[in-house]
mmCIF file of all heavy atoms, coordinates in Angstrom:
data_MODEL
# 
_entry.id   MODEL 
# 
loop_
_atom_site.group_PDB 
_atom_site.id 
_atom_site.type_symbol 
_atom_site.label_atom_id 
_atom_site.label_alt_id 
_atom_site.label_comp_id 
_atom_site.label_asym_id 
_atom_site.label_entity_id 
_atom_site.label_seq_id 
_atom_site.pdbx_PDB_ins_code 
_atom_site.Cartn_x 
_atom_site.Cartn_y 
_atom_site.Cartn_z 
_atom_site.occupancy 
_atom_site.B_iso_or_equiv 
_atom_site.pdbx_formal_charge 
_atom_site.auth_seq_id 
_atom_site.auth_comp_id 
_atom_site.auth_asym_id 
_atom_site.auth_atom_id 
_atom_site.pdbx_PDB_model_num 
ATOM 1   N N   . VAL A 1 1  ? 116.991 73.109 153.550 1.00 0.00 ? 1  VAL A N   1 
ATOM 2   C CA  . VAL A 1 1  ? 116.738 73.822 154.801 1.00 0.00 ? 1  VAL A CA  1 
ATOM 3   C C   . VAL A 1 1  ? 115.347 73.509 155.323 1.00 0.00 ? 1  VAL A C   1 
ATOM 4   O O   . VAL A 1 1  ? 115.151 73.236 156.521 1.00 0.00 ? 1  VAL A O   1 
ATOM 5   C CB  . VAL A 1 1  ? 116.930 75.338 154.610 1.00 0.00 ? 1  VAL A CB  1 
ATOM 6   C CG1 . VAL A 1 1  ? 116.421 76.114 155.827 1.00 0.00 ? 1  VAL A CG1 1 
ATOM 7   C CG2 . VAL A 1 1  ? 118.402 75.656 154.367 1.00 0.00 ? 1  VAL A CG2 1 
ATOM 8   N N   . SER A 1 2  ? 114.332 73.547 154.465 1.00 0.00 ? 2  SER A N   1 
ATOM 9   C CA  . SER A 1 2  ? 112.965 73.324 154.935 1.00 0.00 ? 2  SER A CA  1 
ATOM 10  C C   . SER A 1 2  ? 112.785 71.906 155.455 1.00 0.00 ? 2  SER A C   1 
ATOM 11  O O   . SER A 1 2  ? 112.066 71.684 156.442 1.00 0.00 ? 2  SER A O   1 
ATOM 12  C CB  . SER A 1 2  ? 111.947 73.625 153.828 1.00 0.00 ? 2  SER A CB  1 
ATOM 13  O OG  . SER A 1 2  ? 112.121 72.760 152.728 1.00 0.00 ? 2  SER A OG  1 
ATOM 14  N N   . ALA A 1 3  ? 113.458 70.915 154.825 1.00 0.00 ? 3  ALA A N   1 
ATOM 15  C CA  . ALA A 1 3  ? 113.378 69.545 155.325 1.00 0.00 ? 3  ALA A CA  1 
ATOM 16  C C   . ALA A 1 3  ? 114.127 69.398 156.644 1.00 0.00 ? 3  ALA A C   1 
ATOM 17  O O   . ALA A 1 3  ? 113.650 68.736 157.573 1.00 0.00 ? 3  ALA A O   1 
ATOM 18  C CB  . ALA A 1 3  ? 113.940 68.585 154.288 1.00 0.00 ? 3  ALA A CB  1 
ATOM 19  N N   . ALA A 1 4  ? 115.294 70.019 156.724 1.00 0.00 ? 4  ALA A N   1 
ATOM 20  C CA  . ALA A 1 4  ? 116.080 69.937 157.960 1.00 0.00 ? 4  ALA A CA  1 
ATOM 21  C C   . ALA A 1 4  ? 115.360 70.631 159.110 1.00 0.00 ? 4  ALA A C   1 
ATOM 22  O O   . ALA A 1 4  ? 115.468 70.199 160.264 1.00 0.00 ? 4  ALA A O   1 
ATOM 23  C CB  . ALA A 1 4  ? 117.457 70.548 157.739 1.00 0.00 ? 4  ALA A CB  1 
ATOM 24  N N   . GLU A 1 5  ? 114.628 71.700 158.828 1.00 0.00 ? 5  GLU A N   1 
ATOM 25  C CA  . GLU A 1 5  ? 113.849 72.372 159.863 1.00 0.00 ? 5  GLU A CA  1 
ATOM 26  C C   . GLU A 1 5  ? 112.829 71.424 160.497 1.00 0.00 ? 5  GLU A C   1 
ATOM 27  O O   . GLU A 1 5  ? 112.470 71.580 161.670 1.00 0.00 ? 5  GLU A O   1 
ATOM 28  C CB  . GLU A 1 5  ? 113.107 73.576 159.277 1.00 0.00 ? 5  GLU A CB  1 
ATOM 29  C CG  . GLU A 1 5  ? 113.990 74.774 158.966 1.00 0.00 ? 5  GLU A CG  1 
ATOM 30  C CD  . GLU A 1 5  ? 113.220 75.893 158.290 1.00 0.00 ? 5  GLU A CD  1 
ATOM 31  O OE1 . GLU A 1 5  ? 112.178 75.608 157.646 1.00 0.00 ? 5  GLU A OE1 1 
ATOM 32  O OE2 . GLU A 1 5  ? 113.657 77.043 158.396 1.00 0.00 ? 5  GLU A OE2 1 
ATOM 33  N N   . LEU A 1 6  ? 112.370 70.447 159.709 1.00 0.00 ? 6  LEU A N   1 
ATOM 34  C CA  . LEU A 1 6  ? 111.375 69.495 160.180 1.00 0.00 ? 6  LEU A CA  1 
ATOM 35  C C   . LEU A 1 6  ? 112.008 68.218 160.707 1.00 0.00 ? 6  LEU A C   1 
ATOM 36  O O   . LEU A 1 6  ? 111.308 67.224 160.953 1.00 0.00 ? 6  LEU A O   1 
ATOM 37  C CB  . LEU A 1 6  ? 110.396 69.179 159.047 1.00 0.00 ? 6  LEU A CB  1 
ATOM 38  C CG  . LEU A 1 6  ? 109.560 70.376 158.590 1.00 0.00 ? 6  LEU A CG  1 
ATOM 39  C CD1 . LEU A 1 6  ? 108.795 70.062 157.326 1.00 0.00 ? 6  LEU A CD1 1 
ATOM 40  C CD2 . LEU A 1 6  ? 108.611 70.823 159.698 1.00 0.00 ? 6  LEU A CD2 1 
ATOM 41  N N   . GLY A 1 7  ? 113.322 68.233 160.862 1.00 0.00 ? 7  GLY A N   1 
ATOM 42  C CA  . GLY A 1 7  ? 114.000 67.122 161.524 1.00 0.00 ? 7  GLY A CA  1 
ATOM 43  C C   . GLY A 1 7  ? 114.575 66.053 160.631 1.00 0.00 ? 7  GLY A C   1 
ATOM 44  O O   . GLY A 1 7  ? 115.098 65.052 161.136 1.00 0.00 ? 7  GLY A O   1 
ATOM 45  N N   . LEU A 1 8  ? 114.526 66.214 159.319 1.00 0.00 ? 8  LEU A N   1 
ATOM 46  C CA  . LEU A 1 8  ? 115.077 65.197 158.430 1.00 0.00 ? 8  LEU A CA  1 
ATOM 47  C C   . LEU A 1 8  ? 116.596 65.332 158.326 1.00 0.00 ? 8  LEU A C   1 
ATOM 48  O O   . LEU A 1 8  ? 117.130 66.445 158.378 1.00 0.00 ? 8  LEU A O   1 
ATOM 49  C CB  . LEU A 1 8  ? 114.470 65.311 157.023 1.00 0.00 ? 8  LEU A CB  1 
ATOM 50  C CG  . LEU A 1 8  ? 113.195 64.503 156.769 1.00 0.00 ? 8  LEU A CG  1 
ATOM 51  C CD1 . LEU A 1 8  ? 112.056 65.009 157.626 1.00 0.00 ? 8  LEU A CD1 1 
ATOM 52  C CD2 . LEU A 1 8  ? 112.819 64.555 155.285 1.00 0.00 ? 8  LEU A CD2 1 
ATOM 53  N N   . ARG A 1 9  ? 117.266 64.197 158.184 1.00 0.00 ? 9  ARG A N   1 
ATOM 54  C CA  . ARG A 1 9  ? 118.686 64.204 157.838 1.00 0.00 ? 9  ARG A CA  1 
ATOM 55  C C   . ARG A 1 9  ? 118.786 64.418 156.331 1.00 0.00 ? 9  ARG A C   1 
ATOM 56  O O   . ARG A 1 9  ? 118.147 63.707 155.554 1.00 0.00 ? 9  ARG A O   1 
ATOM 57  C CB  . ARG A 1 9  ? 119.356 62.895 158.223 1.00 0.00 ? 9  ARG A CB  1 
ATOM 58  C CG  . ARG A 1 9  ? 119.540 62.683 159.723 1.00 0.00 ? 9  ARG A CG  1 
ATOM 59  C CD  . ARG A 1 9  ? 120.473 61.517 159.976 1.00 0.00 ? 9  ARG A CD  1 
ATOM 60  N NE  . ARG A 1 9  ? 120.004 60.306 159.321 1.00 0.00 ? 9  ARG A NE  1 
ATOM 61  C CZ  . ARG A 1 9  ? 120.807 59.327 158.887 1.00 0.00 ? 9  ARG A CZ  1 
ATOM 62  N NH1 . ARG A 1 9  ? 122.113 59.431 159.014 1.00 0.00 ? 9  ARG A NH1 1 
ATOM 63  N NH2 . ARG A 1 9  ? 120.302 58.242 158.319 1.00 0.00 ? 9  ARG A NH2 1 
ATOM 64  N N   . VAL A 1 10 ? 119.601 65.370 155.942 1.00 0.00 ? 10 VAL A N   1 
ATOM 65  C CA  . VAL A 1 10 ? 119.669 65.759 154.530 1.00 0.00 ? 10 VAL A CA  1 
ATOM 66  C C   . VAL A 1 10 ? 121.105 65.746 154.053 1.00 0.00 ? 10 VAL A C   1 
ATOM 67  O O   . VAL A 1 10 ? 122.007 66.252 154.730 1.00 0.00 ? 10 VAL A O   1 
ATOM 68  C CB  . VAL A 1 10 ? 119.073 67.171 154.318 1.00 0.00 ? 10 VAL A CB  1 
ATOM 69  C CG1 . VAL A 1 10 ? 119.105 67.541 152.837 1.00 0.00 ? 10 VAL A CG1 1 
ATOM 70  C CG2 . VAL A 1 10 ? 117.653 67.256 154.863 1.00 0.00 ? 10 VAL A CG2 1 
ATOM 71  N N   . VAL A 1 11 ? 121.308 65.174 152.876 1.00 0.00 ? 11 VAL A N   1 
ATOM 72  C CA  . VAL A 1 11 ? 122.584 65.278 152.172 1.00 0.00 ? 11 VAL A CA  1 
ATOM 73  C C   . VAL A 1 11 ? 122.322 66.018 150.870 1.00 0.00 ? 11 VAL A C   1 
ATOM 74  O O   . VAL A 1 11 ? 121.402 65.667 150.121 1.00 0.00 ? 11 VAL A O   1 
ATOM 75  C CB  . VAL A 1 11 ? 123.213 63.907 151.873 1.00 0.00 ? 11 VAL A CB  1 
ATOM 76  C CG1 . VAL A 1 11 ? 124.571 64.082 151.183 1.00 0.00 ? 11 VAL A CG1 1 
ATOM 77  C CG2 . VAL A 1 11 ? 123.374 63.092 153.150 1.00 0.00 ? 11 VAL A CG2 1 
ATOM 78  N N   . LEU A 1 12 ? 123.089 67.060 150.615 1.00 0.00 ? 12 LEU A N   1 
ATOM 79  C CA  . LEU A 1 12 ? 122.942 67.849 149.393 1.00 0.00 ? 12 LEU A CA  1 
ATOM 80  C C   . LEU A 1 12 ? 124.160 67.637 148.507 1.00 0.00 ? 12 LEU A C   1 
ATOM 81  O O   . LEU A 1 12 ? 125.303 67.780 148.966 1.00 0.00 ? 12 LEU A O   1 
ATOM 82  C CB  . LEU A 1 12 ? 122.762 69.327 149.733 1.00 0.00 ? 12 LEU A CB  1 
ATOM 83  C CG  . LEU A 1 12 ? 122.525 70.277 148.556 1.00 0.00 ? 12 LEU A CG  1 
ATOM 84  C CD1 . LEU A 1 12 ? 121.617 71.431 148.983 1.00 0.00 ? 12 LEU A CD1 1 
ATOM 85  C CD2 . LEU A 1 12 ? 123.830 70.837 147.991 1.00 0.00 ? 12 LEU A CD2 1 
ATOM 86  N N   . PHE A 1 13 ? 123.927 67.324 147.229 1.00 0.00 ? 13 PHE A N   1 
ATOM 87  C CA  . PHE A 1 13 ? 124.987 67.077 146.264 1.00 0.00 ? 13 PHE A CA  1 
ATOM 88  C C   . PHE A 1 13 ? 124.999 68.191 145.224 1.00 0.00 ? 13 PHE A C   1 
ATOM 89  O O   . PHE A 1 13 ? 123.979 68.473 144.593 1.00 0.00 ? 13 PHE A O   1 
ATOM 90  C CB  . PHE A 1 13 ? 124.771 65.732 145.567 1.00 0.00 ? 13 PHE A CB  1 
ATOM 91  C CG  . PHE A 1 13 ? 124.814 64.553 146.494 1.00 0.00 ? 13 PHE A CG  1 
ATOM 92  C CD1 . PHE A 1 13 ? 123.662 64.116 147.149 1.00 0.00 ? 13 PHE A CD1 1 
ATOM 93  C CD2 . PHE A 1 13 ? 126.000 63.873 146.717 1.00 0.00 ? 13 PHE A CD2 1 
ATOM 94  C CE1 . PHE A 1 13 ? 123.694 63.032 148.003 1.00 0.00 ? 13 PHE A CE1 1 
ATOM 95  C CE2 . PHE A 1 13 ? 126.049 62.779 147.573 1.00 0.00 ? 13 PHE A CE2 1 
ATOM 96  C CZ  . PHE A 1 13 ? 124.894 62.355 148.216 1.00 0.00 ? 13 PHE A CZ  1 
ATOM 97  N N   . GLU A 1 14 ? 126.148 68.805 145.036 1.00 0.00 ? 14 GLU A N   1 
ATOM 98  C CA  . GLU A 1 14 ? 126.333 69.852 144.027 1.00 0.00 ? 14 GLU A CA  1 
ATOM 99  C C   . GLU A 1 14 ? 127.520 69.462 143.146 1.00 0.00 ? 14 GLU A C   1 
ATOM 100 O O   . GLU A 1 14 ? 128.619 69.209 143.641 1.00 0.00 ? 14 GLU A O   1 
ATOM 101 C CB  . GLU A 1 14 ? 126.589 71.201 144.693 1.00 0.00 ? 14 GLU A CB  1 
ATOM 102 C CG  . GLU A 1 14 ? 127.096 72.299 143.777 1.00 0.00 ? 14 GLU A CG  1 
ATOM 103 C CD  . GLU A 1 14 ? 126.187 72.563 142.587 1.00 0.00 ? 14 GLU A CD  1 
ATOM 104 O OE1 . GLU A 1 14 ? 124.967 72.736 142.799 1.00 0.00 ? 14 GLU A OE1 1 
ATOM 105 O OE2 . GLU A 1 14 ? 126.702 72.591 141.443 1.00 0.00 ? 14 GLU A OE2 1 
ATOM 106 N N   . LYS A 1 15 ? 127.290 69.406 141.835 1.00 0.00 ? 15 LYS A N   1 
ATOM 107 C CA  . LYS A 1 15 ? 128.357 68.920 140.962 1.00 0.00 ? 15 LYS A CA  1 
ATOM 108 C C   . LYS A 1 15 ? 129.480 69.932 140.754 1.00 0.00 ? 15 LYS A C   1 
ATOM 109 O O   . LYS A 1 15 ? 130.600 69.552 140.410 1.00 0.00 ? 15 LYS A O   1 
ATOM 110 C CB  . LYS A 1 15 ? 127.778 68.510 139.606 1.00 0.00 ? 15 LYS A CB  1 
ATOM 111 C CG  . LYS A 1 15 ? 127.364 69.649 138.691 1.00 0.00 ? 15 LYS A CG  1 
ATOM 112 C CD  . LYS A 1 15 ? 126.896 69.095 137.354 1.00 0.00 ? 15 LYS A CD  1 
ATOM 113 C CE  . LYS A 1 15 ? 126.490 70.204 136.409 1.00 0.00 ? 15 LYS A CE  1 
ATOM 114 N NZ  . LYS A 1 15 ? 126.030 69.685 135.104 1.00 0.00 ? 15 LYS A NZ  1 
ATOM 115 N N   . MET A 1 16 ? 129.191 71.220 140.969 1.00 0.00 ? 16 MET A N   1 
ATOM 116 C CA  . MET A 1 16 ? 130.214 72.239 140.790 1.00 0.00 ? 16 MET A CA  1 
ATOM 117 C C   . MET A 1 16 ? 131.045 72.384 142.068 1.00 0.00 ? 16 MET A C   1 
ATOM 118 O O   . MET A 1 16 ? 130.640 71.929 143.135 1.00 0.00 ? 16 MET A O   1 
ATOM 119 C CB  . MET A 1 16 ? 129.571 73.575 140.410 1.00 0.00 ? 16 MET A CB  1 
ATOM 120 C CG  . MET A 1 16 ? 128.721 73.515 139.150 1.00 0.00 ? 16 MET A CG  1 
ATOM 121 S SD  . MET A 1 16 ? 129.638 72.947 137.688 1.00 0.00 ? 16 MET A SD  1 
ATOM 122 C CE  . MET A 1 16 ? 130.673 74.380 137.394 1.00 0.00 ? 16 MET A CE  1 
ATOM 123 N N   . PRO A 1 17 ? 132.190 73.075 141.988 1.00 0.00 ? 17 PRO A N   1 
ATOM 124 C CA  . PRO A 1 17 ? 133.011 73.241 143.198 1.00 0.00 ? 17 PRO A CA  1 
ATOM 125 C C   . PRO A 1 17 ? 132.381 74.114 144.262 1.00 0.00 ? 17 PRO A C   1 
ATOM 126 O O   . PRO A 1 17 ? 132.778 74.043 145.425 1.00 0.00 ? 17 PRO A O   1 
ATOM 127 C CB  . PRO A 1 17 ? 134.301 73.887 142.653 1.00 0.00 ? 17 PRO A CB  1 
ATOM 128 C CG  . PRO A 1 17 ? 134.321 73.576 141.196 1.00 0.00 ? 17 PRO A CG  1 
ATOM 129 C CD  . PRO A 1 17 ? 132.884 73.525 140.773 1.00 0.00 ? 17 PRO A CD  1 
ATOM 130 N N   . ALA A 1 18 ? 131.418 74.960 143.889 1.00 0.00 ? 18 ALA A N   1 
ATOM 131 C CA  . ALA A 1 18 ? 130.805 75.874 144.857 1.00 0.00 ? 18 ALA A CA  1 
ATOM 132 C C   . ALA A 1 18 ? 129.299 75.883 144.670 1.00 0.00 ? 18 ALA A C   1 
ATOM 133 O O   . ALA A 1 18 ? 128.776 75.575 143.590 1.00 0.00 ? 18 ALA A O   1 
ATOM 134 C CB  . ALA A 1 18 ? 131.368 77.285 144.683 1.00 0.00 ? 18 ALA A CB  1 
ATOM 135 N N   . LEU A 1 19 ? 128.579 76.250 145.721 1.00 0.00 ? 19 LEU A N   1 
ATOM 136 C CA  . LEU A 1 19 ? 127.134 76.375 145.666 1.00 0.00 ? 19 LEU A CA  1 
ATOM 137 C C   . LEU A 1 19 ? 126.732 77.636 144.898 1.00 0.00 ? 19 LEU A C   1 
ATOM 138 O O   . LEU A 1 19 ? 127.533 78.533 144.707 1.00 0.00 ? 19 LEU A O   1 
ATOM 139 C CB  . LEU A 1 19 ? 126.562 76.451 147.087 1.00 0.00 ? 19 LEU A CB  1 
ATOM 140 C CG  . LEU A 1 19 ? 126.872 75.292 148.032 1.00 0.00 ? 19 LEU A CG  1 
ATOM 141 C CD1 . LEU A 1 19 ? 126.340 75.600 149.425 1.00 0.00 ? 19 LEU A CD1 1 
ATOM 142 C CD2 . LEU A 1 19 ? 126.267 73.994 147.507 1.00 0.00 ? 19 LEU A CD2 1 
ATOM 143 N N   . GLY A 1 20 ? 125.483 77.687 144.484 1.00 0.00 ? 20 GLY A N   1 
ATOM 144 C CA  . GLY A 1 20 ? 124.983 78.938 143.911 1.00 0.00 ? 20 GLY A CA  1 
ATOM 145 C C   . GLY A 1 20 ? 124.097 78.788 142.704 1.00 0.00 ? 20 GLY A C   1 
ATOM 146 O O   . GLY A 1 20 ? 122.990 79.310 142.654 1.00 0.00 ? 20 GLY A O   1 
ATOM 147 N N   . GLY A 1 21 ? 124.597 78.128 141.648 1.00 0.00 ? 21 GLY A N   1 
ATOM 148 C CA  . GLY A 1 21 ? 123.819 77.977 140.434 1.00 0.00 ? 21 GLY A CA  1 
ATOM 149 C C   . GLY A 1 21 ? 123.370 79.298 139.846 1.00 0.00 ? 21 GLY A C   1 
ATOM 150 O O   . GLY A 1 21 ? 124.008 80.337 140.037 1.00 0.00 ? 21 GLY A O   1 
ATOM 151 N N   . ASN A 1 22 ? 122.248 79.273 139.143 1.00 0.00 ? 22 ASN A N   1 
ATOM 152 C CA  . ASN A 1 22 ? 121.733 80.493 138.522 1.00 0.00 ? 22 ASN A CA  1 
ATOM 153 C C   . ASN A 1 22 ? 121.258 81.511 139.548 1.00 0.00 ? 22 ASN A C   1 
ATOM 154 O O   . ASN A 1 22 ? 121.276 82.716 139.289 1.00 0.00 ? 22 ASN A O   1 
ATOM 155 C CB  . ASN A 1 22 ? 120.573 80.154 137.574 1.00 0.00 ? 22 ASN A CB  1 
ATOM 156 C CG  . ASN A 1 22 ? 121.040 79.891 136.163 1.00 0.00 ? 22 ASN A CG  1 
ATOM 157 O OD1 . ASN A 1 22 ? 122.235 79.904 135.877 1.00 0.00 ? 22 ASN A OD1 1 
ATOM 158 N ND2 . ASN A 1 22 ? 120.115 79.635 135.263 1.00 0.00 ? 22 ASN A ND2 1 
ATOM 159 N N   . THR A 1 23 ? 120.840 81.052 140.731 1.00 0.00 ? 23 THR A N   1 
ATOM 160 C CA  . THR A 1 23 ? 120.380 81.999 141.749 1.00 0.00 ? 23 THR A CA  1 
ATOM 161 C C   . THR A 1 23 ? 121.485 82.971 142.117 1.00 0.00 ? 23 THR A C   1 
ATOM 162 O O   . THR A 1 23 ? 121.261 84.179 142.251 1.00 0.00 ? 23 THR A O   1 
ATOM 163 C CB  . THR A 1 23 ? 119.913 81.247 143.004 1.00 0.00 ? 23 THR A CB  1 
ATOM 164 O OG1 . THR A 1 23 ? 118.849 80.361 142.656 1.00 0.00 ? 23 THR A OG1 1 
ATOM 165 C CG2 . THR A 1 23 ? 119.411 82.220 144.070 1.00 0.00 ? 23 THR A CG2 1 
ATOM 166 N N   . ALA A 1 24 ? 122.696 82.466 142.270 1.00 0.00 ? 24 ALA A N   1 
ATOM 167 C CA  . ALA A 1 24 ? 123.812 83.305 142.720 1.00 0.00 ? 24 ALA A CA  1 
ATOM 168 C C   . ALA A 1 24 ? 124.150 84.403 141.723 1.00 0.00 ? 24 ALA A C   1 
ATOM 169 O O   . ALA A 1 24 ? 124.582 85.490 142.119 1.00 0.00 ? 24 ALA A O   1 
ATOM 170 C CB  . ALA A 1 24 ? 125.040 82.452 142.985 1.00 0.00 ? 24 ALA A CB  1 
# 
C-alpha cells in the first residue's frame, strides 16, 4: 500500500489461499 500510494506498480505474492498471516 505505501509503495502504491507513491505511484509504484506492485505485485504481491502470497503462498496461502488467503491473505492474513499471523497478523490476521
